[in-house]
Amino acid sequence: MDRKARDNERADLMRAALAGDENAYRALLSDLSQFLRAVVRRGFSGFSGAPNDFEDVVQDVLLAIHLKRHTWDPTLPLGPWVLAIARNKMIDAARRRGRRPEVTIDLSEFEIEGDNQQAAIDAYDVTRVLDRLSERNRDIVRAISIDGQTARDVAERLGMTEVAVRVALHRSLKQLAETYAEPSK
């Protein structure tokens, strides 16, 4: 089975699992555990460690997938979402070992035409850090930093002064920088 078909099959299993199909969920987790073992081994190539260390990371990834499964967008491929979680968990593990938290993920595992896998992983990371902000501050950051609106336009829309919007943006970006540096949960 080619990689695109495999990812489509996994996505179908996840959709069925989200709809309540326990057998599909078991099949998905079994398949992902095999896949993730290879991803973690490749991601930590060059790191020394016991096989149990790698298995701990795989289990952390599977747990995170379980806890965050509701955040996956069923209209998008599953692979980049899973790899984003795996990358974050590998970075967490590297930090715990006092290593430089830079982990390589092979995106060629998912040859999905027309989709930018790195963009999907980046979108997951952006969502993860933006979720830590209040709704108003999240709106300000998205409007100005992502959508390119002016502080004046945002201030008018939210009924704030332009200075208050700029202060909220500055504080929110500082909080995002601190949040992004934290290990994912």
Protein backbone atom coordinates (compact mmCIF):
# COMPACT_ATOMS: atom_id res chain seq x y z
CA MET A 1 0.00 0.00 0.00
CA ASP A 2 1.41 3.41 -0.90
CA ARG A 3 1.88 6.13 1.69
CA LYS A 4 -1.04 8.27 0.57
CA ALA A 5 -3.43 5.32 0.70
CA ARG A 6 -2.07 4.34 4.13
CA ASP A 7 -2.67 7.86 5.47
CA ASN A 8 -6.17 7.89 3.95
CA GLU A 9 -6.88 4.55 5.63
CA ARG A 10 -5.66 5.90 8.98
CA ALA A 11 -7.78 9.03 8.53
CA ASP A 12 -10.84 6.87 7.80
CA LEU A 13 -10.16 4.87 10.97
CA MET A 14 -9.86 8.09 12.99
CA ARG A 15 -13.13 9.42 11.56
CA ALA A 16 -14.85 6.16 12.48
CA ALA A 17 -13.27 6.25 15.94
CA LEU A 18 -14.47 9.81 16.49
CA ALA A 19 -17.94 8.60 15.54
CA GLY A 20 -17.73 6.00 18.32
CA ASP A 21 -16.39 2.89 16.56
CA GLU A 22 -14.20 1.26 19.22
CA ASN A 23 -12.87 -1.42 16.85
CA ALA A 24 -11.71 1.25 14.42
CA TYR A 25 -10.01 3.10 17.26
CA ARG A 26 -8.19 -0.04 18.43
CA ALA A 27 -7.08 -0.74 14.86
CA LEU A 28 -5.88 2.85 14.44
CA LEU A 29 -3.88 2.86 17.68
CA SER A 30 -2.33 -0.50 16.84
CA ASP A 31 -1.31 0.72 13.39
CA LEU A 32 -0.06 4.07 14.71
CA SER A 33 2.00 2.41 17.44
CA GLN A 34 3.96 0.47 14.81
CA PHE A 35 4.35 3.57 12.66
CA LEU A 36 5.37 5.76 15.62
CA ARG A 37 8.05 3.33 16.78
CA ALA A 38 9.78 3.81 13.44
CA VAL A 39 9.26 7.59 13.52
CA VAL A 40 10.70 7.89 17.04
CA ARG A 41 13.70 5.66 16.22
CA ARG A 42 14.46 7.77 13.14
CA GLY A 43 13.84 11.02 15.02
CA PHE A 44 16.28 10.01 17.74
CA SER A 45 18.92 8.55 15.45
CA GLY A 46 22.22 9.52 16.96
CA PHE A 47 20.80 9.66 20.48
CA SER A 48 21.87 6.93 22.81
CA GLY A 49 19.19 5.40 24.93
CA ALA A 50 17.53 2.21 25.95
CA PRO A 51 14.72 0.81 23.80
CA ASN A 52 12.39 1.51 26.72
CA ASP A 53 13.19 5.23 26.38
CA PHE A 54 11.91 5.20 22.81
CA GLU A 55 8.86 3.18 23.83
CA ASP A 56 8.09 5.75 26.53
CA VAL A 57 8.01 8.46 23.87
CA VAL A 58 5.75 6.32 21.65
CA GLN A 59 3.38 5.85 24.58
CA ASP A 60 3.44 9.60 25.29
CA VAL A 61 2.53 10.27 21.67
CA LEU A 62 -0.31 7.74 21.73
CA LEU A 63 -1.64 9.25 24.95
CA ALA A 64 -1.50 12.74 23.48
CA ILE A 65 -3.33 11.53 20.36
CA HIS A 66 -5.99 10.02 22.60
CA LEU A 67 -6.38 13.17 24.68
CA LYS A 68 -6.30 15.56 21.72
CA ARG A 69 -8.18 13.48 19.12
CA HIS A 70 -11.06 15.95 19.19
CA THR A 71 -8.69 18.67 17.87
CA TRP A 72 -7.97 16.86 14.60
CA ASP A 73 -9.82 18.35 11.63
CA PRO A 74 -11.39 15.39 9.77
CA THR A 75 -11.15 17.29 6.48
CA LEU A 76 -7.35 17.28 6.72
CA PRO A 77 -4.86 14.42 6.44
CA LEU A 78 -4.15 12.61 9.70
CA GLY A 79 -0.43 12.07 9.16
CA PRO A 80 0.85 15.63 9.60
CA TRP A 81 -1.28 16.03 12.74
CA VAL A 82 0.19 12.82 14.21
CA LEU A 83 3.71 13.86 13.24
CA ALA A 84 3.28 17.27 14.89
CA ILE A 85 2.36 15.56 18.13
CA ALA A 86 5.24 13.09 17.75
CA ARG A 87 7.71 15.88 17.09
CA ASN A 88 6.57 17.79 20.18
CA LYS A 89 6.84 14.69 22.38
CA MET A 90 10.31 13.89 21.03
CA ILE A 91 11.40 17.47 21.74
CA ASP A 92 10.03 17.12 25.28
CA ALA A 93 11.99 13.89 25.75
CA ALA A 94 15.17 15.46 24.37
CA ARG A 95 14.80 18.39 26.76
CA ARG A 96 14.36 16.04 29.71
CA ARG A 97 17.67 14.43 28.75
CA GLY A 98 19.33 17.83 28.56
CA ARG A 99 19.73 17.59 24.80
CA ARG A 100 19.25 20.26 22.21
CA PRO A 101 15.54 19.98 21.36
CA GLU A 102 15.79 19.61 17.61
CA VAL A 103 14.12 16.53 16.21
CA THR A 104 13.93 15.64 12.55
CA ILE A 105 10.64 14.34 11.21
CA ASP A 106 10.54 12.75 7.78
CA LEU A 107 7.52 14.31 6.05
CA SER A 108 8.03 12.17 2.96
CA GLU A 109 6.04 9.49 4.80
CA PHE A 110 2.99 11.41 3.62
CA GLU A 111 2.92 12.08 -0.09
CA ILE A 112 -0.36 13.94 -0.20
CA GLU A 113 -0.77 15.92 -3.38
CA GLY A 114 -1.57 19.58 -3.01
CA ASP A 115 -1.20 19.60 0.78
CA ASN A 116 1.71 21.22 2.53
CA GLN A 117 2.62 18.89 5.39
CA GLN A 118 4.89 21.37 7.16
CA ALA A 119 2.10 23.94 7.05
CA ALA A 120 -0.23 21.45 8.75
CA ILE A 121 2.32 20.81 11.49
CA ASP A 122 2.92 24.55 11.91
CA ALA A 123 -0.85 25.16 12.10
CA TYR A 124 -1.07 22.60 14.90
CA ASP A 125 1.72 24.37 16.78
CA VAL A 126 0.07 27.77 16.30
CA THR A 127 -3.24 26.42 17.58
CA ARG A 128 -1.51 24.83 20.57
CA VAL A 129 0.03 28.09 21.70
CA LEU A 130 -2.91 30.35 20.80
CA ASP A 131 -5.23 28.19 22.90
CA ARG A 132 -3.41 29.47 25.99
CA LEU A 133 -4.62 33.03 25.39
CA SER A 134 -7.94 34.53 26.41
CA GLU A 135 -10.49 34.70 23.60
CA ARG A 136 -10.05 38.47 23.16
CA ASN A 137 -6.25 38.30 23.10
CA ARG A 138 -6.37 35.32 20.71
CA ASP A 139 -8.61 37.43 18.44
CA ILE A 140 -6.16 40.34 18.59
CA VAL A 141 -3.15 38.16 17.76
CA ARG A 142 -4.92 36.38 14.90
CA ALA A 143 -6.27 39.64 13.45
CA ILE A 144 -2.98 41.54 13.53
CA SER A 145 -0.22 38.93 13.34
CA ILE A 146 -1.90 36.34 11.15
CA ASP A 147 -4.59 38.15 9.15
CA GLY A 148 -2.61 41.39 8.75
CA GLN A 149 -5.26 43.78 10.08
CA THR A 150 -4.21 47.10 11.56
CA ALA A 151 -4.35 47.86 15.28
CA ARG A 152 -6.75 50.69 14.45
CA ASP A 153 -9.18 48.33 12.66
CA VAL A 154 -9.02 45.81 15.48
CA ALA A 155 -9.52 48.53 18.10
CA GLU A 156 -12.63 49.80 16.31
CA ARG A 157 -14.06 46.31 15.94
CA LEU A 158 -13.46 45.42 19.59
CA GLY A 159 -14.39 48.81 21.05
CA MET A 160 -10.91 49.39 22.46
CA THR A 161 -8.32 52.11 22.08
CA GLU A 162 -5.54 51.52 19.61
CA VAL A 163 -2.99 51.73 22.45
CA ALA A 164 -4.88 49.08 24.45
CA VAL A 165 -4.85 46.78 21.42
CA ARG A 166 -1.10 47.27 20.96
CA VAL A 167 -0.44 46.59 24.66
CA ALA A 168 -2.63 43.45 24.54
CA LEU A 169 -0.82 42.30 21.38
CA HIS A 170 2.60 42.86 22.95
CA ARG A 171 1.67 41.00 26.14
CA SER A 172 0.04 38.18 24.19
CA LEU A 173 3.07 37.73 21.94
CA LYS A 174 5.31 37.62 25.00
CA GLN A 175 3.03 34.99 26.56
CA LEU A 176 3.04 33.01 23.30
CA ALA A 177 6.83 33.02 23.20
CA GLU A 178 6.92 31.65 26.74
CA THR A 179 4.23 29.07 25.96
CA TYR A 180 5.95 27.92 22.78
CA ALA A 181 9.12 27.29 24.76
CA GLU A 182 7.22 25.02 27.17
CA PRO A 183 6.96 21.31 26.45
CA SER A 184 3.61 20.29 24.92
CA LYS A 185 1.22 18.43 27.13
